[in-house]
C-alpha atoms as a PDB file:
ATOM      1  CA  UNK A   1       4.805  -8.980 -23.523  1.00  0.00           C
ATOM      2  CA  UNK A   2       7.722 -10.506 -21.614  1.00  0.00           C
ATOM      3  CA  UNK A   3      10.211  -8.496 -23.652  1.00  0.00           C
ATOM      4  CA  UNK A   4       8.352  -5.259 -22.882  1.00  0.00           C
ATOM      5  CA  UNK A   5       8.349  -5.989 -19.155  1.00  0.00           C
ATOM      6  CA  UNK A   6      12.072  -6.792 -19.251  1.00  0.00           C
ATOM      7  CA  UNK A   7      12.784  -3.494 -21.042  1.00  0.00           C
ATOM      8  CA  UNK A   8      10.716  -1.563 -18.491  1.00  0.00           C
ATOM      9  CA  UNK A   9      12.519  -3.235 -15.591  1.00  0.00           C
ATOM     10  CA  UNK A  10      15.913  -2.521 -17.177  1.00  0.00           C
ATOM     11  CA  UNK A  11      14.888   1.105 -17.637  1.00  0.00           C
ATOM     12  CA  UNK A  12      13.781   1.430 -14.018  1.00  0.00           C
ATOM     13  CA  UNK A  13      16.977  -0.184 -12.715  1.00  0.00           C
ATOM     14  CA  UNK A  14      19.243   2.026 -14.835  1.00  0.00           C
ATOM     15  CA  UNK A  15      20.027   5.065 -12.700  1.00  0.00           C
ATOM     16  CA  UNK A  16      22.595   6.642 -15.028  1.00  0.00           C
ATOM     17  CA  UNK A  17      21.485  10.107 -15.977  1.00  0.00           C
ATOM     18  CA  UNK A  18      18.026   9.886 -14.509  1.00  0.00           C
ATOM     19  CA  UNK A  19      16.749  13.270 -13.491  1.00  0.00           C
ATOM     20  CA  UNK A  20      13.906  14.330 -11.277  1.00  0.00           C
ATOM     21  CA  UNK A  21      11.923  15.063 -14.452  1.00  0.00           C
ATOM     22  CA  UNK A  22      12.063  11.407 -15.448  1.00  0.00           C
ATOM     23  CA  UNK A  23      10.901  10.334 -12.002  1.00  0.00           C
ATOM     24  CA  UNK A  24       8.041  12.823 -12.141  1.00  0.00           C
ATOM     25  CA  UNK A  25       7.009  11.479 -15.544  1.00  0.00           C
ATOM     26  CA  UNK A  26       7.047   7.910 -14.205  1.00  0.00           C
ATOM     27  CA  UNK A  27       4.868   8.937 -11.269  1.00  0.00           C
ATOM     28  CA  UNK A  28       2.492  10.710 -13.660  1.00  0.00           C
ATOM     29  CA  UNK A  29       2.141   7.577 -15.808  1.00  0.00           C
ATOM     30  CA  UNK A  30       1.436   5.431 -12.747  1.00  0.00           C
ATOM     31  CA  UNK A  31      -1.116   7.975 -11.524  1.00  0.00           C
ATOM     32  CA  UNK A  32      -2.866   7.946 -14.914  1.00  0.00           C
ATOM     33  CA  UNK A  33      -3.087   4.153 -14.801  1.00  0.00           C
ATOM     34  CA  UNK A  34      -4.490   4.226 -11.264  1.00  0.00           C
ATOM     35  CA  UNK A  35      -7.122   6.829 -12.181  1.00  0.00           C
ATOM     36  CA  UNK A  36      -8.053   4.935 -15.338  1.00  0.00           C
ATOM     37  CA  UNK A  37      -8.722   1.662 -13.525  1.00  0.00           C
ATOM     38  CA  UNK A  38      -9.741   2.885 -10.058  1.00  0.00           C
ATOM     39  CA  UNK A  39     -13.442   2.152 -10.554  1.00  0.00           C
ATOM     40  CA  UNK A  40     -12.822  -1.375 -11.815  1.00  0.00           C
ATOM     41  CA  UNK A  41     -10.256  -2.036  -9.087  1.00  0.00           C
ATOM     42  CA  UNK A  42     -12.632  -0.696  -6.429  1.00  0.00           C
ATOM     43  CA  UNK A  43     -15.444  -2.957  -7.600  1.00  0.00           C
ATOM     44  CA  UNK A  44     -13.143  -5.974  -7.656  1.00  0.00           C
ATOM     45  CA  UNK A  45     -11.816  -5.168  -4.196  1.00  0.00           C
ATOM     46  CA  UNK A  46     -15.387  -4.921  -2.869  1.00  0.00           C
ATOM     47  CA  UNK A  47     -16.198  -8.328  -4.349  1.00  0.00           C
ATOM     48  CA  UNK A  48     -13.109  -9.923  -2.825  1.00  0.00           C
ATOM     49  CA  UNK A  49     -13.619  -8.447   0.630  1.00  0.00           C
ATOM     50  CA  UNK A  50     -17.299  -9.383   0.518  1.00  0.00           C
ATOM     51  CA  UNK A  51     -16.385 -12.995  -0.226  1.00  0.00           C
ATOM     52  CA  UNK A  52     -13.835 -13.051   2.596  1.00  0.00           C
ATOM     53  CA  UNK A  53     -16.295 -11.684   5.169  1.00  0.00           C
ATOM     54  CA  UNK A  54     -19.096 -13.972   3.961  1.00  0.00           C
ATOM     55  CA  UNK A  55     -16.791 -16.973   4.310  1.00  0.00           C
ATOM     56  CA  UNK A  56     -15.724 -15.836   7.783  1.00  0.00           C
ATOM     57  CA  UNK A  57     -19.377 -15.439   8.804  1.00  0.00           C
ATOM     58  CA  UNK A  58     -20.072 -18.947   7.523  1.00  0.00           C
ATOM     59  CA  UNK A  59     -17.195 -20.339   9.572  1.00  0.00           C
ATOM     60  CA  UNK A  60     -18.454 -18.594  12.702  1.00  0.00           C
ATOM     61  CA  UNK A  61     -21.950 -19.980  12.164  1.00  0.00           C
ATOM     62  CA  UNK A  62     -20.581 -23.527  12.070  1.00  0.00           C
END
């Protein structure tokens, strides 16, 4: 997994010969990932914010 991440970072840092098509493809891949996990991420974000506000309410009550 570490090797894959290093290769991806090297690819992103290498600007030689990168065209707008490559950037568009990268944006498309990121968009696909966001759409794939948006429901799960939304649920998790709701849980986290709920915990934060519940804790803040508890502190105010004390």
